[in-house]
Amino acid sequence: MNKFSRTLLAVSVAVTSGCIVAAQDKPQGSSPIPKVLTITREFTKPGKSGAVHDKTESMFVQAMTRAKSHTHYIGMTSLSGKPRALFVTQFESFEAWEKDNQANDTNAALDRALMADGELLDSLDQGVFVFNEEMSLRPKPDLSQMRYLDISAYHVRPGHNKDWVELVNMVTHGCEQAVPDAHWGVFAPSYGGERRTYLVLIARKSLSEVDKGFMDSKQFREAMGEGGLKKLDELIAVAIESSQHNLFAFNPRMIYPADEWIKSDNFWKPKAAAMPAAAAKPATAAKPN
């Protein structure tokens, strides 16, 4: 698949999916889209992912539950790229993020969870991103039925932000014409990320939506026409320095969901992570001397 095709798949035909800009602890569909997003990446040591990591992450969920925190987050594990866990939290403002940090400073259970989790990690980083409304298309605030997250990161060449904006506008216009149910959310880094980088976030109910995206790309190409596709390909070449596309699966053992989500779908109900069972000793094993 060439660069144009990858961009077309990741941006222009991201359809029948919701943007990960869910509201904080509010009834579904009633809140505006939060403007600030924090994304924490945890890269686990070899052999320390899976049930072992789920166990320590359950400690965070329990600590937040006991504290009755109003700040909810979604945890997920990678299905592509280097094995890692991703944690996404949304805030209405930087002030709301500050208040959440202050509240967590007094939660001793979180400190214990951090110590246990740190033993499993090879590295960790965090970025803070701001919602870009102009580049987004009909983002959906309700994630309660979603199970996967596509993250496409586009790094724009220096001096070519104008070309990037034109590229996004062309893709948006083409989708509005040919793919009426298309929607996505775009975020730009504010802290902890490279400048001129844009994240396109798309949540999905199932991976069948990826299959549908390939079919919708035909409608998009027809709407753009030969001239439009040529112009779009030229903009991709001059505007985008690099891009990366990865897929993550929501992990219910790493998620601290809102009560409304738990009531609407048992998938979100916090589940205790079971540790792998130890191998049974042979019945005839000799006692040590």
Protein backbone atom coordinates (compact mmCIF):
# COMPACT_ATOMS: atom_id res chain seq x y z
CA MET A 1 0.00 0.00 0.00
CA ASN A 2 1.57 3.33 -1.06
CA LYS A 3 1.73 6.46 1.08
CA PHE A 4 -1.38 7.95 -0.50
CA SER A 5 -3.41 4.83 0.13
CA ARG A 6 -2.34 4.67 3.78
CA THR A 7 -3.28 8.30 4.33
CA LEU A 8 -6.59 7.81 2.58
CA LEU A 9 -7.39 4.82 4.78
CA ALA A 10 -6.34 6.43 8.05
CA VAL A 11 -7.90 9.86 7.56
CA SER A 12 -10.44 10.13 4.80
CA VAL A 13 -12.35 6.88 5.21
CA ALA A 14 -12.38 6.58 8.99
CA VAL A 15 -16.09 5.94 9.00
CA THR A 16 -18.77 4.37 11.22
CA SER A 17 -16.56 5.08 14.23
CA GLY A 18 -16.38 7.48 17.15
CA CYS A 19 -13.67 9.92 18.08
CA ILE A 20 -12.08 9.36 21.48
CA VAL A 21 -13.22 12.61 22.98
CA ALA A 22 -15.71 11.28 25.50
CA ALA A 23 -17.08 13.52 28.21
CA GLN A 24 -15.97 13.32 31.85
CA ASP A 25 -18.44 11.69 34.25
CA LYS A 26 -21.54 13.12 32.55
CA PRO A 27 -24.64 11.46 31.06
CA GLN A 28 -24.01 10.15 27.57
CA GLY A 29 -24.43 12.67 24.80
CA SER A 30 -24.96 15.65 27.16
CA SER A 31 -21.43 17.08 27.48
CA PRO A 32 -19.25 19.10 25.11
CA ILE A 33 -16.07 17.58 23.78
CA PRO A 34 -13.21 18.02 26.28
CA LYS A 35 -10.40 20.16 24.95
CA VAL A 36 -7.42 18.60 26.77
CA LEU A 37 -6.24 15.03 26.37
CA THR A 38 -3.45 13.28 28.25
CA ILE A 39 -1.95 10.11 26.78
CA THR A 40 0.39 7.96 28.86
CA ARG A 41 2.39 5.18 27.23
CA GLU A 42 3.77 2.29 29.26
CA PHE A 43 6.31 0.01 27.59
CA THR A 44 6.52 -3.21 29.58
CA LYS A 45 9.61 -5.35 30.08
CA PRO A 46 9.73 -8.64 28.13
CA GLY A 47 7.36 -11.14 29.71
CA LYS A 48 5.71 -8.51 31.92
CA SER A 49 2.65 -7.71 29.81
CA GLY A 50 -0.66 -9.58 29.71
CA ALA A 51 -2.13 -10.81 33.02
CA VAL A 52 0.91 -9.65 35.02
CA HIS A 53 0.46 -6.04 33.91
CA ASP A 54 -3.34 -6.28 34.17
CA LYS A 55 -2.88 -7.12 37.86
CA THR A 56 -0.98 -3.97 38.73
CA GLU A 57 -3.29 -1.82 36.60
CA SER A 58 -6.27 -3.18 38.55
CA MET A 59 -4.67 -1.57 41.60
CA PHE A 60 -5.05 1.85 39.97
CA VAL A 61 -8.70 1.17 39.15
CA GLN A 62 -9.38 0.09 42.75
CA ALA A 63 -7.62 3.17 44.13
CA MET A 64 -9.64 5.51 41.92
CA THR A 65 -12.87 3.69 42.80
CA ARG A 66 -12.28 3.90 46.56
CA ALA A 67 -11.45 7.60 46.22
CA LYS A 68 -14.65 8.11 44.19
CA SER A 69 -12.66 10.07 41.64
CA HIS A 70 -14.67 11.93 39.00
CA THR A 71 -11.81 11.65 36.50
CA HIS A 72 -12.24 8.55 34.37
CA TYR A 73 -9.78 7.05 31.92
CA ILE A 74 -9.53 4.37 29.26
CA GLY A 75 -6.69 1.85 29.17
CA MET A 76 -5.81 -0.19 26.12
CA THR A 77 -3.15 -2.56 24.83
CA SER A 78 -1.38 -2.48 21.49
CA LEU A 79 -2.31 -4.70 18.56
CA SER A 80 0.49 -3.30 16.40
CA GLY A 81 3.95 -1.89 16.92
CA LYS A 82 5.99 -2.41 20.08
CA PRO A 83 4.00 -4.05 22.93
CA ARG A 84 2.71 -1.29 25.19
CA ALA A 85 -0.28 -0.05 27.15
CA LEU A 86 -1.93 3.29 26.50
CA PHE A 87 -3.97 5.36 28.97
CA VAL A 88 -6.16 8.20 27.74
CA THR A 89 -7.79 10.78 30.01
CA GLN A 90 -9.92 13.72 28.88
CA PHE A 91 -10.30 17.08 30.63
CA GLU A 92 -12.45 20.11 29.93
CA SER A 93 -9.49 22.44 30.53
CA PHE A 94 -5.94 22.66 31.85
CA GLU A 95 -7.42 23.90 35.14
CA ALA A 96 -9.41 20.66 35.42
CA TRP A 97 -6.20 18.69 34.78
CA GLU A 98 -4.46 20.66 37.56
CA LYS A 99 -7.26 19.90 40.03
CA ASP A 100 -7.07 16.22 39.18
CA ASN A 101 -3.31 16.18 39.80
CA GLN A 102 -3.81 17.86 43.16
CA ALA A 103 -6.46 15.32 44.18
CA ASN A 104 -4.25 12.39 43.21
CA ASP A 105 -1.32 13.75 45.24
CA THR A 106 -3.14 12.70 48.43
CA ASN A 107 -4.11 9.21 47.24
CA ALA A 108 -1.65 6.85 48.95
CA ALA A 109 -3.15 3.84 47.17
CA LEU A 110 -2.06 5.34 43.85
CA ASP A 111 1.50 5.61 45.16
CA ARG A 112 1.52 1.90 46.01
CA ALA A 113 0.13 1.07 42.58
CA LEU A 114 2.83 3.20 40.94
CA MET A 115 5.56 1.33 42.80
CA ALA A 116 4.17 -2.09 41.82
CA ASP A 117 3.62 -1.04 38.21
CA GLY A 118 7.10 0.45 37.92
CA GLU A 119 8.66 -2.97 38.48
CA LEU A 120 7.11 -4.14 35.20
CA LEU A 121 7.98 -1.19 32.99
CA ASP A 122 10.87 -0.67 30.63
CA SER A 123 9.92 2.98 30.02
CA LEU A 124 7.04 5.44 30.34
CA ASP A 125 6.13 8.79 28.79
CA GLN A 126 3.21 11.19 28.70
CA GLY A 127 1.94 13.80 26.28
CA VAL A 128 -0.72 16.49 26.64
CA PHE A 129 -2.77 17.28 23.56
CA VAL A 130 -5.35 19.92 22.64
CA PHE A 131 -8.43 19.29 20.52
CA ASN A 132 -8.40 20.94 17.07
CA GLU A 133 -12.02 21.56 16.15
CA GLU A 134 -11.30 22.99 12.69
CA MET A 135 -9.54 19.80 11.52
CA SER A 136 -12.06 17.41 13.07
CA LEU A 137 -15.18 16.10 11.37
CA ARG A 138 -18.32 15.37 13.39
CA PRO A 139 -16.51 13.87 16.41
CA LYS A 140 -18.68 11.69 18.65
CA PRO A 141 -18.58 12.14 22.44
CA ASP A 142 -19.98 8.71 23.38
CA LEU A 143 -17.43 5.88 23.59
CA SER A 144 -19.51 3.48 25.66
CA GLN A 145 -19.99 1.06 22.76
CA MET A 146 -16.45 1.27 21.39
CA ARG A 147 -13.77 -1.43 21.65
CA TYR A 148 -10.78 -0.31 19.54
CA LEU A 149 -8.78 2.84 18.90
CA ASP A 150 -6.92 3.82 15.75
CA ILE A 151 -4.18 6.38 16.28
CA SER A 152 -2.59 7.98 13.24
CA ALA A 153 0.26 10.41 13.87
CA TYR A 154 1.22 12.84 11.09
CA HIS A 155 4.40 14.91 11.33
CA VAL A 156 4.22 17.96 9.08
CA ARG A 157 7.29 19.27 7.28
CA PRO A 158 8.67 22.62 8.51
CA GLY A 159 7.05 25.51 6.67
CA HIS A 160 4.27 23.36 5.21
CA ASN A 161 1.48 23.75 7.76
CA LYS A 162 -0.56 25.65 5.15
CA ASP A 163 -0.29 22.64 2.82
CA TRP A 164 -1.35 20.35 5.68
CA VAL A 165 -4.43 22.48 6.37
CA GLU A 166 -5.35 22.41 2.68
CA LEU A 167 -4.88 18.62 2.65
CA VAL A 168 -7.18 18.17 5.65
CA ASN A 169 -9.79 20.48 4.12
CA MET A 170 -9.78 18.51 0.87
CA VAL A 171 -10.16 15.18 2.68
CA THR A 172 -12.95 16.62 4.84
CA HIS A 173 -14.82 17.99 1.83
CA GLY A 174 -14.47 14.69 -0.05
CA CYS A 175 -15.80 12.72 2.91
CA GLU A 176 -18.72 15.07 3.40
CA GLN A 177 -19.70 14.39 -0.19
CA ALA A 178 -19.02 10.66 -0.45
CA VAL A 179 -18.99 9.24 3.08
CA PRO A 180 -21.72 11.03 5.05
CA ASP A 181 -21.19 9.04 8.25
CA ALA A 182 -17.43 9.77 8.43
CA HIS A 183 -16.17 11.43 11.59
CA TRP A 184 -12.86 11.83 13.43
CA GLY A 185 -11.07 13.98 16.02
CA VAL A 186 -7.71 15.72 15.60
CA PHE A 187 -5.40 16.66 18.47
CA ALA A 188 -2.15 18.64 18.48
CA PRO A 189 0.57 18.35 21.16
CA SER A 190 0.79 21.05 23.80
CA TYR A 191 3.36 19.41 26.11
CA GLY A 192 5.50 16.30 25.81
CA GLY A 193 5.21 15.84 22.05
CA GLU A 194 6.86 16.99 18.84
CA ARG A 195 5.61 20.21 17.33
CA ARG A 196 3.93 20.03 13.92
CA THR A 197 2.53 16.60 14.85
CA TYR A 198 -1.19 15.88 14.61
CA LEU A 199 -3.00 12.86 16.04
CA VAL A 200 -6.08 11.56 14.26
CA LEU A 201 -8.01 9.42 16.77
CA ILE A 202 -10.78 7.07 15.72
CA ALA A 203 -12.60 4.66 18.03
CA ARG A 204 -14.31 1.61 16.55
CA LYS A 205 -17.04 -0.78 17.61
CA SER A 206 -15.39 -3.63 15.73
CA LEU A 207 -12.62 -4.24 13.21
CA SER A 208 -15.23 -4.83 10.52
CA GLU A 209 -15.24 -1.03 10.25
CA VAL A 210 -11.68 -1.22 8.91
CA ASP A 211 -12.94 -3.54 6.17
CA LYS A 212 -15.70 -1.06 5.41
CA GLY A 213 -13.13 1.69 5.11
CA PHE A 214 -11.55 0.00 2.11
CA MET A 215 -14.91 -0.09 0.37
CA ASP A 216 -15.67 3.54 1.25
CA SER A 217 -12.35 4.64 -0.22
CA LYS A 218 -13.76 3.86 -3.68
CA GLN A 219 -16.63 6.29 -3.10
CA PHE A 220 -14.16 8.89 -1.87
CA ARG A 221 -11.95 8.56 -4.95
CA GLU A 222 -14.94 8.88 -7.25
CA ALA A 223 -16.07 12.04 -5.46
CA MET A 224 -12.61 13.59 -5.66
CA GLY A 225 -12.13 12.85 -9.34
CA GLU A 226 -8.82 12.43 -11.14
CA GLY A 227 -7.80 16.06 -10.70
CA GLY A 228 -8.65 16.13 -7.01
CA LEU A 229 -6.76 12.92 -6.32
CA LYS A 230 -3.69 14.25 -8.12
CA LYS A 231 -3.78 17.44 -6.06
CA LEU A 232 -4.28 15.43 -2.87
CA ASP A 233 -1.32 13.20 -3.68
CA GLU A 234 0.85 16.28 -4.29
CA LEU A 235 -0.14 17.78 -0.94
CA ILE A 236 0.64 14.53 0.87
CA ALA A 237 4.10 14.49 -0.70
CA VAL A 238 4.98 18.07 0.27
CA ALA A 239 3.15 18.38 3.60
CA ILE A 240 3.76 15.11 5.45
CA GLU A 241 7.29 14.35 6.61
CA SER A 242 6.33 11.04 8.24
CA SER A 243 3.28 9.18 9.48
CA GLN A 244 2.55 6.18 11.68
CA HIS A 245 -0.65 4.23 12.19
CA ASN A 246 -1.35 1.89 15.12
CA LEU A 247 -4.29 -0.03 16.52
CA PHE A 248 -5.19 -0.60 20.19
CA ALA A 249 -7.82 -2.70 21.95
CA PHE A 250 -9.67 -1.40 25.01
CA ASN A 251 -8.75 -3.48 28.06
CA PRO A 252 -11.55 -3.61 30.70
CA ARG A 253 -9.01 -4.44 33.45
CA MET A 254 -7.15 -1.19 32.74
CA ILE A 255 -10.18 1.09 32.57
CA TYR A 256 -11.80 3.34 35.17
CA PRO A 257 -15.18 4.03 33.51
CA ALA A 258 -18.05 6.33 34.40
CA ASP A 259 -21.03 4.77 36.17
CA GLU A 260 -23.22 5.43 33.12
CA TRP A 261 -20.94 3.28 31.01
CA ILE A 262 -21.07 0.37 33.47
CA LYS A 263 -24.86 0.54 33.51
CA SER A 264 -25.07 0.54 29.73
CA ASP A 265 -22.59 -2.30 29.05
CA ASN A 266 -21.03 -4.95 31.31
CA PHE A 267 -17.84 -4.71 29.26
CA TRP A 268 -16.89 -1.65 31.33
CA LYS A 269 -17.50 -3.24 34.73
CA PRO A 270 -14.13 -3.37 36.54
CA LYS A 271 -12.78 -6.91 36.59
CA ALA A 272 -10.09 -8.30 38.84
CA ALA A 273 -7.08 -9.55 36.92
CA ALA A 274 -6.13 -13.13 37.77
CA MET A 275 -2.46 -13.99 38.02
CA PRO A 276 -1.21 -17.03 36.07
CA ALA A 277 -1.59 -20.21 38.10
CA ALA A 278 1.66 -21.64 39.45
CA ALA A 279 2.70 -25.01 38.11
CA ALA A 280 1.71 -27.85 40.44
CA LYS A 281 4.55 -29.79 42.09
CA PRO A 282 4.81 -33.50 41.27
CA ALA A 283 3.19 -35.66 43.96
CA THR A 284 6.36 -37.75 44.25
CA ALA A 285 8.71 -34.83 44.67
CA ALA A 286 11.32 -35.52 47.36
CA LYS A 287 11.53 -33.21 50.36
CA PRO A 288 14.64 -31.04 50.46
CA ASN A 289 17.45 -32.15 52.73
